[in-house]
C-alpha atoms as a PDB file:
ATOM      1  CA  UNK A   1      18.677  -2.751 -38.938  1.00  0.00           C
ATOM      2  CA  UNK A   2      18.314  -6.331 -37.774  1.00  0.00           C
ATOM      3  CA  UNK A   3      19.085  -7.498 -34.272  1.00  0.00           C
ATOM      4  CA  UNK A   4      20.175 -10.852 -35.650  1.00  0.00           C
ATOM      5  CA  UNK A   5      23.922 -11.268 -36.134  1.00  0.00           C
ATOM      6  CA  UNK A   6      25.275 -11.310 -39.657  1.00  0.00           C
ATOM      7  CA  UNK A   7      25.555 -15.062 -40.135  1.00  0.00           C
ATOM      8  CA  UNK A   8      27.534 -14.717 -43.342  1.00  0.00           C
ATOM      9  CA  UNK A   9      30.542 -13.303 -41.424  1.00  0.00           C
ATOM     10  CA  UNK A  10      30.832 -16.046 -38.878  1.00  0.00           C
ATOM     11  CA  UNK A  11      32.366 -19.477 -38.981  1.00  0.00           C
ATOM     12  CA  UNK A  12      29.567 -20.859 -36.815  1.00  0.00           C
ATOM     13  CA  UNK A  13      26.913 -22.984 -38.413  1.00  0.00           C
ATOM     14  CA  UNK A  14      23.666 -21.101 -39.146  1.00  0.00           C
ATOM     15  CA  UNK A  15      21.746 -22.858 -36.381  1.00  0.00           C
ATOM     16  CA  UNK A  16      24.285 -21.773 -33.772  1.00  0.00           C
ATOM     17  CA  UNK A  17      23.973 -18.111 -34.779  1.00  0.00           C
ATOM     18  CA  UNK A  18      20.192 -18.291 -34.557  1.00  0.00           C
ATOM     19  CA  UNK A  19      20.431 -19.852 -31.119  1.00  0.00           C
ATOM     20  CA  UNK A  20      22.804 -17.064 -30.031  1.00  0.00           C
ATOM     21  CA  UNK A  21      20.422 -14.417 -31.355  1.00  0.00           C
ATOM     22  CA  UNK A  22      17.475 -16.057 -29.628  1.00  0.00           C
ATOM     23  CA  UNK A  23      19.446 -16.254 -26.365  1.00  0.00           C
ATOM     24  CA  UNK A  24      20.361 -12.561 -26.605  1.00  0.00           C
ATOM     25  CA  UNK A  25      16.727 -11.623 -27.274  1.00  0.00           C
ATOM     26  CA  UNK A  26      15.589 -13.745 -24.334  1.00  0.00           C
ATOM     27  CA  UNK A  27      18.186 -12.114 -22.071  1.00  0.00           C
ATOM     28  CA  UNK A  28      17.007  -8.638 -23.125  1.00  0.00           C
ATOM     29  CA  UNK A  29      13.397  -9.618 -22.407  1.00  0.00           C
ATOM     30  CA  UNK A  30      14.419 -10.984 -18.999  1.00  0.00           C
ATOM     31  CA  UNK A  31      16.260  -7.735 -18.198  1.00  0.00           C
ATOM     32  CA  UNK A  32      13.193  -5.712 -19.188  1.00  0.00           C
ATOM     33  CA  UNK A  33      10.917  -7.959 -17.100  1.00  0.00           C
ATOM     34  CA  UNK A  34      13.188  -7.479 -14.070  1.00  0.00           C
ATOM     35  CA  UNK A  35      13.279  -3.703 -14.593  1.00  0.00           C
ATOM     36  CA  UNK A  36       9.479  -3.526 -14.826  1.00  0.00           C
ATOM     37  CA  UNK A  37       9.135  -5.730 -11.743  1.00  0.00           C
ATOM     38  CA  UNK A  38      11.466  -3.455  -9.746  1.00  0.00           C
ATOM     39  CA  UNK A  39       9.514  -0.353 -10.807  1.00  0.00           C
ATOM     40  CA  UNK A  40       6.181  -1.969  -9.908  1.00  0.00           C
ATOM     41  CA  UNK A  41       7.580  -3.111  -6.526  1.00  0.00           C
ATOM     42  CA  UNK A  42       8.814   0.427  -5.782  1.00  0.00           C
ATOM     43  CA  UNK A  43       5.397   1.871  -6.668  1.00  0.00           C
ATOM     44  CA  UNK A  44       3.634  -0.694  -4.432  1.00  0.00           C
ATOM     45  CA  UNK A  45       6.040   0.223  -1.622  1.00  0.00           C
ATOM     46  CA  UNK A  46       5.237   3.931  -2.032  1.00  0.00           C
ATOM     47  CA  UNK A  47       1.493   3.114  -2.018  1.00  0.00           C
ATOM     48  CA  UNK A  48       1.946   1.150   1.217  1.00  0.00           C
ATOM     49  CA  UNK A  49       3.805   4.037   2.844  1.00  0.00           C
ATOM     50  CA  UNK A  50       1.119   6.544   1.801  1.00  0.00           C
ATOM     51  CA  UNK A  51      -1.675   4.241   2.994  1.00  0.00           C
ATOM     52  CA  UNK A  52       0.058   3.640   6.329  1.00  0.00           C
ATOM     53  CA  UNK A  53       0.565   7.361   6.895  1.00  0.00           C
ATOM     54  CA  UNK A  54      -3.072   8.080   6.000  1.00  0.00           C
ATOM     55  CA  UNK A  55      -4.250   5.316   8.333  1.00  0.00           C
ATOM     56  CA  UNK A  56      -2.108   6.685  11.171  1.00  0.00           C
ATOM     57  CA  UNK A  57      -3.562  10.148  10.568  1.00  0.00           C
ATOM     58  CA  UNK A  58      -7.152   8.828  10.548  1.00  0.00           C
ATOM     59  CA  UNK A  59      -6.609   6.829  13.735  1.00  0.00           C
ATOM     60  CA  UNK A  60      -4.932   9.793  15.415  1.00  0.00           C
ATOM     61  CA  UNK A  61      -7.777  12.158  14.545  1.00  0.00           C
ATOM     62  CA  UNK A  62     -10.398   9.635  15.673  1.00  0.00           C
ATOM     63  CA  UNK A  63      -8.588   9.104  18.983  1.00  0.00           C
ATOM     64  CA  UNK A  64      -8.155  12.835  19.554  1.00  0.00           C
ATOM     65  CA  UNK A  65     -11.867  13.444  18.930  1.00  0.00           C
ATOM     66  CA  UNK A  66     -12.937  10.587  21.193  1.00  0.00           C
ATOM     67  CA  UNK A  67     -10.696  11.909  23.977  1.00  0.00           C
ATOM     68  CA  UNK A  68     -11.988  15.455  23.487  1.00  0.00           C
ATOM     69  CA  UNK A  69     -15.561  14.129  23.708  1.00  0.00           C
ATOM     70  CA  UNK A  70     -14.666  12.248  26.897  1.00  0.00           C
ATOM     71  CA  UNK A  71     -13.047  15.299  28.523  1.00  0.00           C
ATOM     72  CA  UNK A  72     -15.925  17.587  27.617  1.00  0.00           C
ATOM     73  CA  UNK A  73     -18.725  15.323  28.773  1.00  0.00           C
ATOM     74  CA  UNK A  74     -16.911  13.986  31.836  1.00  0.00           C
ATOM     75  CA  UNK A  75     -16.811  17.596  33.019  1.00  0.00           C
ATOM     76  CA  UNK A  76     -20.525  17.977  32.221  1.00  0.00           C
ATOM     77  CA  UNK A  77     -21.304  14.766  34.131  1.00  0.00           C
ATOM     78  CA  UNK A  78     -19.976  16.524  37.213  1.00  0.00           C
ATOM     79  CA  UNK A  79     -19.281  13.284  39.101  1.00  0.00           C
ATOM     80  CA  UNK A  80     -22.672  11.675  38.401  1.00  0.00           C
ATOM     81  CA  UNK A  81     -22.284   7.922  37.891  1.00  0.00           C
ATOM     82  CA  UNK A  82     -25.422   7.754  35.740  1.00  0.00           C
ATOM     83  CA  UNK A  83     -24.149  10.576  33.534  1.00  0.00           C
ATOM     84  CA  UNK A  84     -20.729   8.915  33.242  1.00  0.00           C
ATOM     85  CA  UNK A  85     -22.400   5.661  32.196  1.00  0.00           C
ATOM     86  CA  UNK A  86     -24.207   7.577  29.454  1.00  0.00           C
ATOM     87  CA  UNK A  87     -20.926   9.221  28.378  1.00  0.00           C
ATOM     88  CA  UNK A  88     -19.213   5.804  28.315  1.00  0.00           C
ATOM     89  CA  UNK A  89     -21.928   4.361  26.056  1.00  0.00           C
ATOM     90  CA  UNK A  90     -21.696   7.335  23.684  1.00  0.00           C
ATOM     91  CA  UNK A  91     -17.911   7.084  23.541  1.00  0.00           C
ATOM     92  CA  UNK A  92     -18.227   3.391  22.729  1.00  0.00           C
ATOM     93  CA  UNK A  93     -20.679   4.219  19.928  1.00  0.00           C
ATOM     94  CA  UNK A  94     -18.397   7.003  18.689  1.00  0.00           C
ATOM     95  CA  UNK A  95     -15.446   4.624  18.655  1.00  0.00           C
ATOM     96  CA  UNK A  96     -17.399   1.863  16.892  1.00  0.00           C
ATOM     97  CA  UNK A  97     -18.536   4.252  14.157  1.00  0.00           C
ATOM     98  CA  UNK A  98     -15.011   5.620  13.696  1.00  0.00           C
ATOM     99  CA  UNK A  99     -13.490   2.122  13.637  1.00  0.00           C
ATOM    100  CA  UNK A 100     -15.985   0.845  11.051  1.00  0.00           C
ATOM    101  CA  UNK A 101     -15.524   3.890   8.830  1.00  0.00           C
ATOM    102  CA  UNK A 102     -11.735   3.617   9.029  1.00  0.00           C
ATOM    103  CA  UNK A 103     -11.830  -0.144   8.416  1.00  0.00           C
ATOM    104  CA  UNK A 104     -14.037   0.362   5.316  1.00  0.00           C
ATOM    105  CA  UNK A 105     -11.720   3.027   3.965  1.00  0.00           C
ATOM    106  CA  UNK A 106      -8.513   1.063   4.451  1.00  0.00           C
ATOM    107  CA  UNK A 107      -9.655  -2.528   3.891  1.00  0.00           C
ATOM    108  CA  UNK A 108      -8.966  -4.229   0.625  1.00  0.00           C
END
């Protein structure tokens, strides 16, 4: 079965029928291209949502762990300024390591 119209049954000149068939084929291709584009855009959107949720989870866990570290070692410092300075430096290191790891994981 041909997708070209039966030119023998039309009063249009042959060239006009071929142009109509070509236009119909082009329109079908354009519709398919738009459909595929919409599907790909929806998939990219779902990827973005999943990545954003995973990033939020990773940042939340990192923050919770840094705060837990701070609470635990602030109590151990028992008011000592020198001990608190040490805790502050370790928390900064902890945060830097977490931030770099998270940035590597979620950077393009």
